[in-house]
Amino acid sequence: MATTHKLCGTDPRVVDLEQQSAERMFRKKEANLNELHMAQNLEEASYLETMFGLLNKVTEAKEVATNEIFQLEIAHLKAAQSANAERAQHLHDLQAEAVLSK
């Protein structure tokens, strides 16, 4: 066996060392990629959290605006109803006055 290695110009310890070095470099690159992936996931989670917060604010603002519009419509309807009642009373008064003046 030693003769084979001498013919190839390699020592079995050198081959083992090269294999171990390659494995360590692979594990280091894999760890770096995992770390990068985790950082990207954190960044994406932060972005999504911000977007959901903004969407919640928009939804709340829409609900408030809808409620305010509804309340305004109710106020307008009550005012119109009151004006109609006042007009009807005024018309009744005018009709009564017209009957009395005949």
C-alpha atoms as a PDB file:
ATOM      1  CA  MET A   1       0.000   0.000   0.000  1.00  0.00           C
ATOM      2  CA  ALA A   2       2.800   2.390   0.890  1.00  0.00           C
ATOM      3  CA  THR A   3       4.353   1.623  -2.485  1.00  0.00           C
ATOM      4  CA  THR A   4       1.153   2.663  -4.262  1.00  0.00           C
ATOM      5  CA  HIS A   5       1.108   5.963  -2.420  1.00  0.00           C
ATOM      6  CA  LYS A   6       4.786   6.529  -3.204  1.00  0.00           C
ATOM      7  CA  LEU A   7       4.074   5.892  -6.887  1.00  0.00           C
ATOM      8  CA  CYS A   8       1.149   8.363  -6.861  1.00  0.00           C
ATOM      9  CA  GLY A   9       3.113  10.811  -4.784  1.00  0.00           C
ATOM     10  CA  THR A  10       0.523  10.977  -2.030  1.00  0.00           C
ATOM     11  CA  ASP A  11       0.523  10.175   1.636  1.00  0.00           C
ATOM     12  CA  PRO A  12      -2.757   8.769   3.037  1.00  0.00           C
ATOM     13  CA  ARG A  13      -2.619  11.423   5.748  1.00  0.00           C
ATOM     14  CA  VAL A  14      -2.544  14.132   3.082  1.00  0.00           C
ATOM     15  CA  VAL A  15      -5.621  12.659   1.377  1.00  0.00           C
ATOM     16  CA  ASP A  16      -7.455  12.495   4.727  1.00  0.00           C
ATOM     17  CA  LEU A  17      -6.412  16.046   5.545  1.00  0.00           C
ATOM     18  CA  GLU A  18      -7.637  17.291   2.149  1.00  0.00           C
ATOM     19  CA  GLN A  19     -10.965  15.503   2.630  1.00  0.00           C
ATOM     20  CA  GLN A  20     -11.350  16.959   6.127  1.00  0.00           C
ATOM     21  CA  SER A  21     -10.517  20.434   4.817  1.00  0.00           C
ATOM     22  CA  ALA A  22     -13.086  20.095   2.036  1.00  0.00           C
ATOM     23  CA  GLU A  23     -15.721  18.938   4.542  1.00  0.00           C
ATOM     24  CA  ARG A  24     -14.929  21.851   6.877  1.00  0.00           C
ATOM     25  CA  MET A  25     -15.167  24.337   4.005  1.00  0.00           C
ATOM     26  CA  PHE A  26     -18.492  22.802   2.956  1.00  0.00           C
ATOM     27  CA  ARG A  27     -19.851  22.982   6.535  1.00  0.00           C
ATOM     28  CA  LYS A  28     -18.679  26.607   6.835  1.00  0.00           C
ATOM     29  CA  LYS A  29     -20.390  27.586   3.557  1.00  0.00           C
ATOM     30  CA  GLU A  30     -23.516  25.705   4.627  1.00  0.00           C
ATOM     31  CA  ALA A  31     -23.521  27.538   7.981  1.00  0.00           C
ATOM     32  CA  ASN A  32     -23.058  30.877   6.198  1.00  0.00           C
ATOM     33  CA  LEU A  33     -25.967  30.134   3.858  1.00  0.00           C
ATOM     34  CA  ASN A  34     -28.158  29.090   6.789  1.00  0.00           C
ATOM     35  CA  GLU A  35     -27.270  32.319   8.576  1.00  0.00           C
ATOM     36  CA  LEU A  36     -28.087  34.329   5.444  1.00  0.00           C
ATOM     37  CA  HIS A  37     -31.391  32.472   5.081  1.00  0.00           C
ATOM     38  CA  MET A  38     -32.290  33.221   8.713  1.00  0.00           C
ATOM     39  CA  ALA A  39     -31.447  36.908   8.233  1.00  0.00           C
ATOM     40  CA  GLN A  40     -33.631  37.041   5.120  1.00  0.00           C
ATOM     41  CA  ASN A  41     -36.489  35.370   7.014  1.00  0.00           C
ATOM     42  CA  LEU A  42     -36.179  37.920   9.826  1.00  0.00           C
ATOM     43  CA  GLU A  43     -36.168  40.771   7.338  1.00  0.00           C
ATOM     44  CA  GLU A  44     -39.220  39.353   5.558  1.00  0.00           C
ATOM     45  CA  ALA A  45     -41.047  38.836   8.856  1.00  0.00           C
ATOM     46  CA  SER A  46     -40.318  42.433   9.851  1.00  0.00           C
ATOM     47  CA  TYR A  47     -41.586  43.674   6.481  1.00  0.00           C
ATOM     48  CA  LEU A  48     -44.769  41.596   6.739  1.00  0.00           C
ATOM     49  CA  GLU A  49     -45.375  42.796  10.294  1.00  0.00           C
ATOM     50  CA  THR A  50     -45.059  46.399   9.134  1.00  0.00           C
ATOM     51  CA  MET A  51     -47.407  45.779   6.205  1.00  0.00           C
ATOM     52  CA  PHE A  52     -50.017  44.112   8.427  1.00  0.00           C
ATOM     53  CA  GLY A  53     -49.763  47.046  10.840  1.00  0.00           C
ATOM     54  CA  LEU A  54     -50.380  49.485   8.004  1.00  0.00           C
ATOM     55  CA  LEU A  55     -53.276  47.422   6.679  1.00  0.00           C
ATOM     56  CA  ASN A  56     -54.822  47.388  10.159  1.00  0.00           C
ATOM     57  CA  LYS A  57     -54.507  51.171  10.374  1.00  0.00           C
ATOM     58  CA  VAL A  58     -56.114  51.582   6.941  1.00  0.00           C
ATOM     59  CA  THR A  59     -58.950  49.242   7.914  1.00  0.00           C
ATOM     60  CA  GLU A  60     -59.532  51.119  11.167  1.00  0.00           C
ATOM     61  CA  ALA A  61     -59.520  54.448   9.317  1.00  0.00           C
ATOM     62  CA  LYS A  62     -62.039  53.096   6.802  1.00  0.00           C
ATOM     63  CA  GLU A  63     -64.296  51.894   9.623  1.00  0.00           C
ATOM     64  CA  VAL A  64     -64.119  55.265  11.372  1.00  0.00           C
ATOM     65  CA  ALA A  65     -64.830  57.117   8.117  1.00  0.00           C
ATOM     66  CA  THR A  66     -67.766  54.832   7.338  1.00  0.00           C
ATOM     67  CA  ASN A  67     -69.201  55.367  10.794  1.00  0.00           C
ATOM     68  CA  GLU A  68     -68.789  59.140  10.506  1.00  0.00           C
ATOM     69  CA  ILE A  69     -70.496  59.167   7.095  1.00  0.00           C
ATOM     70  CA  PHE A  70     -73.331  57.059   8.506  1.00  0.00           C
ATOM     71  CA  GLN A  71     -73.756  59.429  11.457  1.00  0.00           C
ATOM     72  CA  LEU A  72     -73.721  62.407   9.074  1.00  0.00           C
ATOM     73  CA  GLU A  73     -76.404  60.779   6.912  1.00  0.00           C
ATOM     74  CA  ILE A  74     -78.534  60.171  10.016  1.00  0.00           C
ATOM     75  CA  ALA A  75     -78.106  63.818  11.040  1.00  0.00           C
ATOM     76  CA  HIS A  76     -79.126  64.956   7.536  1.00  0.00           C
ATOM     77  CA  LEU A  77     -82.177  62.686   7.546  1.00  0.00           C
ATOM     78  CA  LYS A  78     -83.232  63.962  10.985  1.00  0.00           C
ATOM     79  CA  ALA A  79     -82.775  67.556   9.820  1.00  0.00           C
ATOM     80  CA  ALA A  80     -84.823  66.881   6.676  1.00  0.00           C
ATOM     81  CA  GLN A  81     -87.510  65.157   8.720  1.00  0.00           C
ATOM     82  CA  SER A  82     -87.598  68.090  11.135  1.00  0.00           C
ATOM     83  CA  ALA A  83     -87.788  70.586   8.232  1.00  0.00           C
ATOM     84  CA  ASN A  84     -90.617  68.594   6.631  1.00  0.00           C
ATOM     85  CA  ALA A  85     -92.528  68.516   9.909  1.00  0.00           C
ATOM     86  CA  GLU A  86     -91.990  72.255  10.331  1.00  0.00           C
ATOM     87  CA  ARG A  87     -93.174  72.896   6.749  1.00  0.00           C
ATOM     88  CA  ALA A  88     -96.229  70.712   7.292  1.00  0.00           C
ATOM     89  CA  GLN A  89     -97.053  72.608  10.481  1.00  0.00           C
ATOM     90  CA  HIS A  90     -96.531  75.930   8.718  1.00  0.00           C
ATOM     91  CA  LEU A  91     -98.770  74.766   5.841  1.00  0.00           C
ATOM     92  CA  HIS A  92    -101.409  73.653   8.347  1.00  0.00           C
ATOM     93  CA  ASP A  93    -101.214  77.039  10.065  1.00  0.00           C
ATOM     94  CA  LEU A  94    -101.562  78.833   6.707  1.00  0.00           C
ATOM     95  CA  GLN A  95    -104.524  76.675   5.735  1.00  0.00           C
ATOM     96  CA  ALA A  96    -106.193  77.344   9.101  1.00  0.00           C
ATOM     97  CA  GLU A  97    -105.553  81.063   8.698  1.00  0.00           C
ATOM     98  CA  ALA A  98    -106.986  80.966   5.164  1.00  0.00           C
ATOM     99  CA  VAL A  99    -110.121  79.196   6.402  1.00  0.00           C
ATOM    100  CA  LEU A 100    -110.566  81.768   9.184  1.00  0.00           C
ATOM    101  CA  SER A 101    -110.077  84.732   6.844  1.00  0.00           C
ATOM    102  CA  LYS A 102    -112.755  83.583   4.375  1.00  0.00           C
END
